[in-house]
Protein backbone atom coordinates (compact mmCIF):
# COMPACT_ATOMS: atom_id res chain seq x y z
CA UNK A 1 0.09 -0.11 0.63
CA UNK A 2 3.03 2.51 -0.64
CA UNK A 3 2.78 2.78 -4.36
CA UNK A 4 5.57 3.89 -6.29
CA UNK A 5 5.70 0.77 -8.86
CA UNK A 6 5.40 0.45 -12.33
CA UNK A 7 5.25 -2.68 -14.76
CA UNK A 8 7.87 -1.58 -17.12
CA UNK A 9 10.17 1.74 -17.55
CA UNK A 10 11.60 3.21 -21.03
CA UNK A 11 15.24 4.89 -19.77
CA UNK A 12 18.09 5.66 -21.22
CA UNK A 13 18.08 4.08 -24.55
CA UNK A 14 18.11 4.73 -28.04
CA UNK A 15 14.92 4.21 -30.84
CA UNK A 16 13.57 1.73 -27.81
CA UNK A 17 10.09 0.33 -28.48
CA UNK A 18 8.02 -1.48 -25.62
CA UNK A 19 4.86 -2.69 -26.38
CA UNK A 20 1.93 -4.97 -24.31
CA UNK A 21 0.05 -7.26 -25.40
CA UNK A 22 -1.48 -9.48 -22.79
CA UNK A 23 -3.49 -8.58 -19.69
CA UNK A 24 -1.77 -6.30 -17.11
CA UNK A 25 -3.64 -6.21 -13.47
CA UNK A 26 -2.42 -2.67 -11.26
CA UNK A 27 -3.42 -3.76 -7.68
CA UNK A 28 -2.99 -1.09 -5.09
CA UNK A 29 -2.63 2.63 -5.03
CA UNK A 30 -0.21 5.14 -6.75
CA UNK A 31 0.92 2.22 -9.56
CA UNK A 32 1.79 2.21 -13.11
CA UNK A 33 1.44 0.26 -15.97
CA UNK A 34 3.97 1.30 -18.68
CA UNK A 35 6.46 4.55 -17.77
CA UNK A 36 8.85 6.46 -20.42
CA UNK A 37 11.44 9.10 -18.70
CA UNK A 38 12.78 12.02 -20.53
CA UNK A 39 17.00 11.12 -21.30
CA UNK A 40 19.26 12.74 -23.16
CA UNK A 41 22.00 10.23 -21.96
CA UNK A 42 24.48 9.41 -24.55
CA UNK A 43 22.58 11.97 -27.56
CA UNK A 44 25.54 12.88 -30.19
CA UNK A 45 24.11 14.88 -33.11
CA UNK A 46 25.51 11.88 -34.86
CA UNK A 47 23.62 9.20 -33.42
CA UNK A 48 20.80 10.89 -31.49
CA UNK A 49 18.32 9.10 -29.13
CA UNK A 50 15.01 9.43 -31.55
CA UNK A 51 11.81 7.72 -30.92
CA UNK A 52 11.19 6.05 -27.68
CA UNK A 53 7.65 4.62 -27.77
CA UNK A 54 5.46 2.73 -25.20
CA UNK A 55 2.53 0.79 -27.02
CA UNK A 56 -0.34 -1.16 -25.47
CA UNK A 57 -2.04 -3.74 -27.79
CA UNK A 58 -3.28 -5.90 -24.84
CA UNK A 59 -5.47 -5.20 -21.46
CA UNK A 60 -4.49 -2.94 -18.30
CA UNK A 61 -6.72 -2.80 -15.74
CA UNK A 62 -7.61 -2.64 -11.77
CA UNK A 63 -10.17 -5.74 -12.07
CA UNK A 64 -8.07 -8.18 -9.92
CA UNK A 65 -9.11 -5.55 -7.17
CA UNK A 66 -12.15 -7.22 -7.26
CA UNK A 67 -10.66 -10.13 -5.23
CA UNK A 68 -8.61 -9.94 -1.97
CA UNK A 69 -11.43 -11.11 0.37
CA UNK A 70 -9.19 -13.12 2.71
CA UNK A 71 -8.78 -12.23 6.36
CA UNK A 72 -6.12 -9.84 5.14
CA UNK A 73 -7.84 -7.58 2.25
CA UNK A 74 -5.96 -5.85 0.07
CA UNK A 75 -3.15 -4.20 2.42
CA UNK A 76 -5.49 -4.68 5.28
CA UNK A 77 -8.17 -2.54 3.63
CA UNK A 78 -11.65 -4.85 3.40
CA UNK A 79 -14.50 -4.35 1.52
CA UNK A 80 -17.86 -2.65 2.71
CA UNK A 81 -21.59 -3.62 1.42
CA UNK A 82 -23.05 -0.29 0.11
CA UNK A 83 -25.55 0.86 2.61
CA UNK A 84 -24.57 -1.56 5.58
CA UNK A 85 -24.45 -0.07 8.99
CA UNK A 86 -22.14 -2.92 10.13
CA UNK A 87 -20.43 -4.14 6.99
CA UNK A 88 -18.11 -1.06 6.19
CA UNK A 89 -14.93 -0.28 4.17
CA UNK A 90 -12.14 0.70 5.79
CA UNK A 91 -9.43 3.70 5.04
CA UNK A 92 -5.98 4.22 5.70
CA UNK A 93 -3.98 8.04 5.03
CA UNK A 94 -0.85 7.57 2.98
CA UNK A 95 1.16 10.38 2.79
CA UNK A 96 2.72 11.39 -0.85
CA UNK A 97 6.12 12.20 -1.25
CA UNK A 98 7.60 15.81 -2.26
CA UNK A 99 7.56 14.92 -6.39
CA UNK A 100 3.84 13.58 -6.07
CA UNK A 101 2.88 17.26 -4.51
CA UNK A 102 3.21 16.49 -0.75
CA UNK A 103 -0.05 16.30 1.36
CA UNK A 104 -2.02 13.13 1.75
CA UNK A 105 -4.55 10.53 0.18
CA UNK A 106 -7.30 8.47 1.57
CA UNK A 107 -7.37 5.03 0.58
CA UNK A 108 -10.54 3.16 0.71
CA UNK A 109 -12.38 0.56 -1.02
CA UNK A 110 -15.62 0.66 -3.04
CA UNK A 111 -18.00 -1.16 -2.15
CA UNK A 112 -19.95 -4.09 -3.10
CA UNK A 113 -23.71 -3.57 -4.39
CA UNK A 114 -26.18 -5.75 -3.17
CA UNK A 115 -30.08 -7.19 -4.11
CA UNK A 116 -32.55 -7.95 -1.47
CA UNK A 117 -31.68 -11.54 -1.11
CA UNK A 118 -28.18 -10.59 0.07
CA UNK A 119 -26.50 -11.63 -3.71
CA UNK A 120 -23.85 -9.38 -5.13
CA UNK A 121 -25.06 -7.39 -8.27
CA UNK A 122 -21.85 -5.08 -8.62
CA UNK A 123 -18.57 -5.96 -7.03
CA UNK A 124 -16.54 -3.64 -5.91
CA UNK A 125 -12.94 -3.59 -3.95
CA UNK A 126 -11.32 -1.09 -5.81
CA UNK A 127 -8.92 1.61 -4.51
CA UNK A 128 -8.28 3.73 -7.36
CA UNK A 129 -4.69 6.38 -8.08
CA UNK A 130 -3.96 4.05 -11.25
CA UNK A 131 -2.05 5.35 -14.62
CA UNK A 132 -2.10 3.00 -17.22
CA UNK A 133 0.55 4.92 -19.47
CA UNK A 134 3.08 8.39 -18.41
CA UNK A 135 5.89 10.18 -19.48
CA UNK A 136 8.01 11.73 -16.65
CA UNK A 137 10.93 13.72 -16.89
CA UNK A 138 14.83 12.83 -16.19
CA UNK A 139 16.44 15.18 -18.39
CA UNK A 140 15.25 18.37 -20.10
CA UNK A 141 15.20 16.43 -23.91
CA UNK A 142 14.87 19.47 -26.37
CA UNK A 143 16.76 17.87 -29.04
CA UNK A 144 14.21 17.85 -32.17
CA UNK A 145 15.35 14.46 -33.29
CA UNK A 146 13.68 12.76 -30.03
CA UNK A 147 9.88 11.61 -29.95
CA UNK A 148 8.18 10.01 -26.99
CA UNK A 149 5.55 8.33 -27.97
CA UNK A 150 2.65 6.86 -25.63
CA UNK A 151 -0.05 4.64 -27.75
CA UNK A 152 -2.54 3.25 -27.14
CA UNK A 153 -2.74 1.01 -30.21
CA UNK A 154 -5.58 -0.72 -31.84
CA UNK A 155 -7.44 -3.40 -29.79
CA UNK A 156 -5.62 -1.65 -26.80
CA UNK A 157 -8.04 -1.41 -23.46
CA UNK A 158 -7.28 0.93 -20.39
CA UNK A 159 -9.70 0.18 -17.85
CA UNK A 160 -10.05 1.65 -14.51
CA UNK A 161 -12.94 1.10 -12.14
CA UNK A 162 -11.05 2.95 -8.95
CA UNK A 163 -11.12 6.82 -8.52
CA UNK A 164 -8.44 9.28 -9.30
CA UNK A 165 -7.22 7.25 -12.11
CA UNK A 166 -5.79 8.26 -15.78
CA UNK A 167 -5.31 6.31 -18.78
CA UNK A 168 -2.37 8.24 -20.10
CA UNK A 169 -0.72 10.83 -18.33
CA UNK A 170 2.01 13.28 -19.95
CA UNK A 171 3.96 14.36 -16.12
CA UNK A 172 7.23 16.02 -17.11
CA UNK A 173 7.64 19.31 -15.31
CA UNK A 174 11.27 21.08 -16.23
CA UNK A 175 10.54 19.17 -19.87
CA UNK A 176 8.83 22.13 -21.50
CA UNK A 177 10.63 21.54 -25.13
CA UNK A 178 10.40 17.97 -25.11
CA UNK A 179 8.42 16.19 -28.60
CA UNK A 180 5.84 14.02 -27.83
CA UNK A 181 2.96 12.08 -29.45
CA UNK A 182 0.22 10.92 -27.65
CA UNK A 183 -2.70 8.65 -29.51
CA UNK A 184 -5.74 6.38 -28.61
CA UNK A 185 -6.67 4.41 -31.87
CA UNK A 186 -8.18 1.50 -28.91
CA UNK A 187 -10.49 2.05 -26.14
CA UNK A 188 -9.97 3.90 -22.66
CA UNK A 189 -13.06 3.46 -19.91
CA UNK A 190 -13.00 5.48 -16.37
CA UNK A 191 -15.64 4.01 -13.57
CA UNK A 192 -14.33 6.02 -10.78
CA UNK A 193 -15.36 9.77 -9.73
CA UNK A 194 -12.41 12.24 -10.41
CA UNK A 195 -11.00 10.34 -13.25
CA UNK A 196 -9.27 11.08 -16.71
CA UNK A 197 -9.24 9.17 -19.82
CA UNK A 198 -5.86 11.33 -20.94
CA UNK A 199 -4.59 14.23 -19.26
CA UNK A 200 -1.73 16.69 -19.80
CA UNK A 201 -0.24 18.07 -16.87
CA UNK A 202 2.81 19.86 -17.63
CA UNK A 203 4.12 21.97 -20.60
CA UNK A 204 5.45 20.32 -23.74
CA UNK A 205 6.51 20.82 -27.41
CA UNK A 206 3.27 22.41 -29.96
CA UNK A 207 5.82 21.24 -32.47
CA UNK A 208 4.78 17.44 -32.83
CA UNK A 209 1.58 17.15 -30.53
CA UNK A 210 -1.63 16.48 -32.07
CA UNK A 211 -3.72 17.51 -29.41
CA UNK A 212 -6.96 17.32 -31.28
CA UNK A 213 -6.31 12.97 -32.30
CA UNK A 214 -6.23 12.78 -27.86
CA UNK A 215 -9.75 14.17 -27.81
CA UNK A 216 -11.35 12.28 -30.85
CA UNK A 217 -13.23 10.84 -28.23
CA UNK A 218 -17.19 9.85 -26.88
CA UNK A 219 -18.15 10.54 -23.19
CA UNK A 220 -20.63 8.75 -22.04
CA UNK A 221 -22.18 8.88 -17.99
CA UNK A 222 -23.92 6.25 -17.00
CA UNK A 223 -24.88 5.49 -13.26
CA UNK A 224 -21.84 7.95 -12.21
CA UNK A 225 -19.63 5.79 -14.88
CA UNK A 226 -17.53 7.54 -16.94
CA UNK A 227 -16.85 6.03 -19.89
CA UNK A 228 -13.84 6.96 -22.68
CA UNK A 229 -14.02 5.22 -26.38
CA UNK A 230 -12.42 5.91 -29.75
CA UNK A 231 -14.56 8.05 -32.53
């Protein structure tokens, strides 16, 4: 329950490509599927670092959090029942690092919804605070030959039901002139409050950044669920 983990990272490579074709389950708060870090390590005029890309054509999800129903729950967090005065989801306060802005977050699993007979109709258990693909900063890479690409490709699914989650995020403060390409050709489905399908959280170069491509999504709100689909 401390966060800060990711499945894989691209860092200090030249013309690197990482593609996820399987199913990745993220469990716990403050975890990431795939990351690229901006860097200039080893760059020369005659041998630039070029394109670095993470691409998802599989599934990145928090579905596994419906489990963890044993005595210890998920890191000590249990799943309650909506409307029950006795079966409650307990909470835990996590302190954030200065790199994440400091402060704290309150982590709690969503409750199960049951019918009159006590049968679960909608499974809870989600803690939220997930990111599917993210660009973070290490160096200020302003080279015109560099391009950082975060792609949810055709057939790719990023699906989070927990709160405060993000499908694809650019968070690289200090890399204001970095060239990026972000594209969604698959499905990004967000089911929790305060969540984003695609989020630009820091300034980047506009020379290769096609914001219109990213925002070609259809937004539906059904029973407090926000779904993002490629149009």
